[in-house]
Amino acid sequence: MAGIHITDIEAAINHWRIKNPSPDGVSLPRELRALADVYGQMVYFKQDYADEFSLPLAAAQAWQDWYQSTPDTPCIAICSTSQGDDWCKGCGRTFDEVQLWIEMTPGEKRGVWQRITADGTSWRFNKYAERAAEDRHLAKVASEAQTKLDL
């Protein structure tokens, strides 16, 4: 079963809360209502995953809209599977996941994202995230160190 994790349903709900907020603060727009129904059933039945292929049409469409706003691939263009590794040090995917990515369903892709995010050991989540934070910090320090010119 290709599953959609409950955190993805939550993210889709939040996406729609911003995109199409309640007109009166009480009623829910169609997309939010569809996703909330799925979310409520998942909570009630203590399920972490919803079946990608059996979602009600309105919920599936609302989820797909959110899914289209997410990055498609975790690739950071440093692929160690091309060097013979069983899993990529850059993004955390297995060799098969890298090779079959374009054939995977959105639910399967989100499952991979869920796993590599929970693991958090690939360079995507540490080495390069730390460098990006350092670069932002250095840029801020540099901009604060500049003095205004009296023109």
Protein backbone atom coordinates (compact mmCIF):
# COMPACT_ATOMS: atom_id res chain seq x y z
CA MET A 1 0.00 0.00 0.00
CA ALA A 2 1.31 3.42 -0.96
CA GLY A 3 0.54 5.45 2.11
CA ILE A 4 0.17 9.12 2.87
CA HIS A 5 1.48 9.87 6.34
CA ILE A 6 -0.76 11.79 8.73
CA THR A 7 1.80 14.61 8.86
CA ASP A 8 1.32 15.09 5.12
CA ILE A 9 -2.45 15.33 5.64
CA GLU A 10 -1.78 17.93 8.37
CA ALA A 11 0.54 19.86 6.03
CA ALA A 12 -2.10 19.78 3.28
CA ILE A 13 -4.71 21.09 5.73
CA ASN A 14 -2.41 23.97 6.71
CA HIS A 15 -1.69 24.65 3.02
CA TRP A 16 -5.43 24.99 2.36
CA ARG A 17 -6.02 27.07 5.51
CA ILE A 18 -3.71 29.68 3.97
CA LYS A 19 -4.79 29.21 0.36
CA ASN A 20 -8.55 29.19 0.96
CA PRO A 21 -9.36 30.32 4.50
CA SER A 22 -12.81 29.98 6.03
CA PRO A 23 -14.96 32.88 4.88
CA ASP A 24 -16.66 33.24 8.26
CA GLY A 25 -14.27 31.49 10.65
CA VAL A 26 -16.72 28.63 11.16
CA SER A 27 -17.48 26.89 7.88
CA LEU A 28 -14.81 24.93 6.05
CA PRO A 29 -14.17 25.24 2.34
CA ARG A 30 -14.60 22.02 0.32
CA GLU A 31 -10.89 21.10 0.27
CA LEU A 32 -10.43 21.61 3.99
CA ARG A 33 -13.55 19.65 4.82
CA ALA A 34 -12.40 16.73 2.64
CA LEU A 35 -8.95 16.63 4.23
CA ALA A 36 -10.39 17.10 7.74
CA ASP A 37 -12.66 14.10 7.22
CA VAL A 38 -9.67 11.93 6.30
CA TYR A 39 -7.61 13.33 9.17
CA GLY A 40 -10.40 12.76 11.69
CA GLN A 41 -10.81 9.14 10.63
CA MET A 42 -7.06 8.58 10.84
CA VAL A 43 -7.00 9.94 14.39
CA TYR A 44 -10.12 8.00 15.41
CA PHE A 45 -8.79 4.69 14.06
CA LYS A 46 -5.22 5.46 15.24
CA GLN A 47 -3.78 5.15 11.74
CA ASP A 48 -0.52 6.82 10.70
CA TYR A 49 -1.09 6.25 6.97
CA ALA A 50 -4.00 6.73 4.58
CA ASP A 51 -4.13 4.64 1.41
CA GLU A 52 -3.10 6.84 -1.50
CA PHE A 53 -5.46 5.09 -3.90
CA SER A 54 -8.60 5.00 -1.78
CA LEU A 55 -8.79 8.62 -0.63
CA PRO A 56 -12.10 10.29 -1.46
CA LEU A 57 -11.77 12.28 -4.70
CA ALA A 58 -12.03 15.73 -3.08
CA ALA A 59 -9.40 14.83 -0.46
CA ALA A 60 -7.11 13.33 -3.11
CA GLN A 61 -7.36 16.48 -5.23
CA ALA A 62 -6.73 18.74 -2.22
CA TRP A 63 -3.74 16.61 -1.17
CA GLN A 64 -2.36 16.65 -4.74
CA ASP A 65 -2.54 20.47 -4.77
CA TRP A 66 -0.42 20.58 -1.62
CA TYR A 67 1.91 17.86 -2.97
CA GLN A 68 2.58 19.96 -6.08
CA SER A 69 3.90 22.73 -3.81
CA THR A 70 6.57 20.46 -2.27
CA PRO A 71 10.01 19.72 -3.75
CA ASP A 72 9.80 16.64 -5.94
CA THR A 73 13.13 15.09 -5.14
CA PRO A 74 15.44 15.16 -2.11
CA CYS A 75 18.46 15.17 -4.45
CA ILE A 76 21.21 17.71 -3.65
CA ALA A 77 23.26 16.77 -6.74
CA ILE A 78 25.85 14.82 -4.76
CA CYS A 79 24.96 11.23 -5.58
CA SER A 80 27.15 8.62 -3.98
CA THR A 81 25.07 5.78 -5.46
CA SER A 82 26.77 6.55 -8.78
CA GLN A 83 30.01 5.68 -6.98
CA GLY A 84 28.67 2.29 -5.88
CA ASP A 85 27.09 3.10 -2.51
CA ASP A 86 23.90 1.23 -1.57
CA TRP A 87 22.37 4.47 -0.32
CA CYS A 88 23.16 8.07 -1.24
CA LYS A 89 25.12 10.06 1.30
CA GLY A 90 23.73 13.27 -0.22
CA CYS A 91 19.99 12.65 -0.05
CA GLY A 92 19.59 9.41 1.92
CA ARG A 93 17.74 7.41 -0.74
CA THR A 94 18.66 3.85 -1.63
CA PHE A 95 20.12 3.00 -5.02
CA ASP A 96 16.75 1.59 -6.14
CA GLU A 97 14.88 4.67 -4.92
CA VAL A 98 17.20 6.93 -6.91
CA GLN A 99 16.88 4.77 -10.03
CA LEU A 100 13.09 4.34 -9.84
CA TRP A 101 12.17 7.81 -8.56
CA ILE A 102 10.40 8.98 -11.72
CA GLU A 103 8.25 5.83 -11.72
CA MET A 104 7.18 6.16 -8.07
CA THR A 105 3.73 7.44 -7.11
CA PRO A 106 3.40 10.62 -5.05
CA GLY A 107 2.57 8.51 -1.99
CA GLU A 108 5.68 6.36 -2.47
CA LYS A 109 7.83 9.48 -2.89
CA ARG A 110 6.39 11.03 0.26
CA GLY A 111 7.10 7.76 2.08
CA VAL A 112 10.76 8.06 1.11
CA TRP A 113 10.77 11.71 2.20
CA GLN A 114 9.26 10.66 5.54
CA ARG A 115 11.94 8.00 6.09
CA ILE A 116 14.94 10.15 5.14
CA THR A 117 13.64 13.11 7.16
CA ALA A 118 13.11 10.92 10.24
CA ASP A 119 16.59 9.43 9.77
CA GLY A 120 18.16 12.86 9.23
CA THR A 121 21.69 11.55 8.65
CA SER A 122 22.15 12.40 4.97
CA TRP A 123 24.15 15.46 4.00
CA ARG A 124 20.88 17.11 2.92
CA PHE A 125 19.96 17.40 6.59
CA ASN A 126 23.30 18.07 8.24
CA LYS A 127 26.48 18.98 6.38
CA TYR A 128 24.86 21.22 3.77
CA ALA A 129 22.09 22.51 6.05
CA GLU A 130 24.81 23.62 8.49
CA ARG A 131 26.75 25.34 5.70
CA ALA A 132 23.64 27.18 4.55
CA ALA A 133 23.01 28.37 8.13
CA GLU A 134 26.64 29.50 8.44
CA ASP A 135 26.39 31.40 5.14
CA ARG A 136 23.20 33.16 6.33
CA HIS A 137 24.89 34.05 9.62
CA LEU A 138 28.00 35.39 7.86
CA ALA A 139 25.87 37.42 5.43
CA LYS A 140 23.95 38.94 8.37
CA VAL A 141 27.16 39.80 10.22
CA ALA A 142 28.62 41.37 7.08
CA SER A 143 25.51 43.46 6.43
CA GLU A 144 25.40 44.63 10.06
CA ALA A 145 29.09 45.59 9.91
CA GLN A 146 28.55 47.95 6.99
CA THR A 147 28.11 51.60 7.77
CA LYS A 148 25.66 53.92 6.11
CA LEU A 149 27.08 56.46 3.73
CA ASP A 150 25.97 60.04 4.08
CA LEU A 151 25.17 61.08 0.54
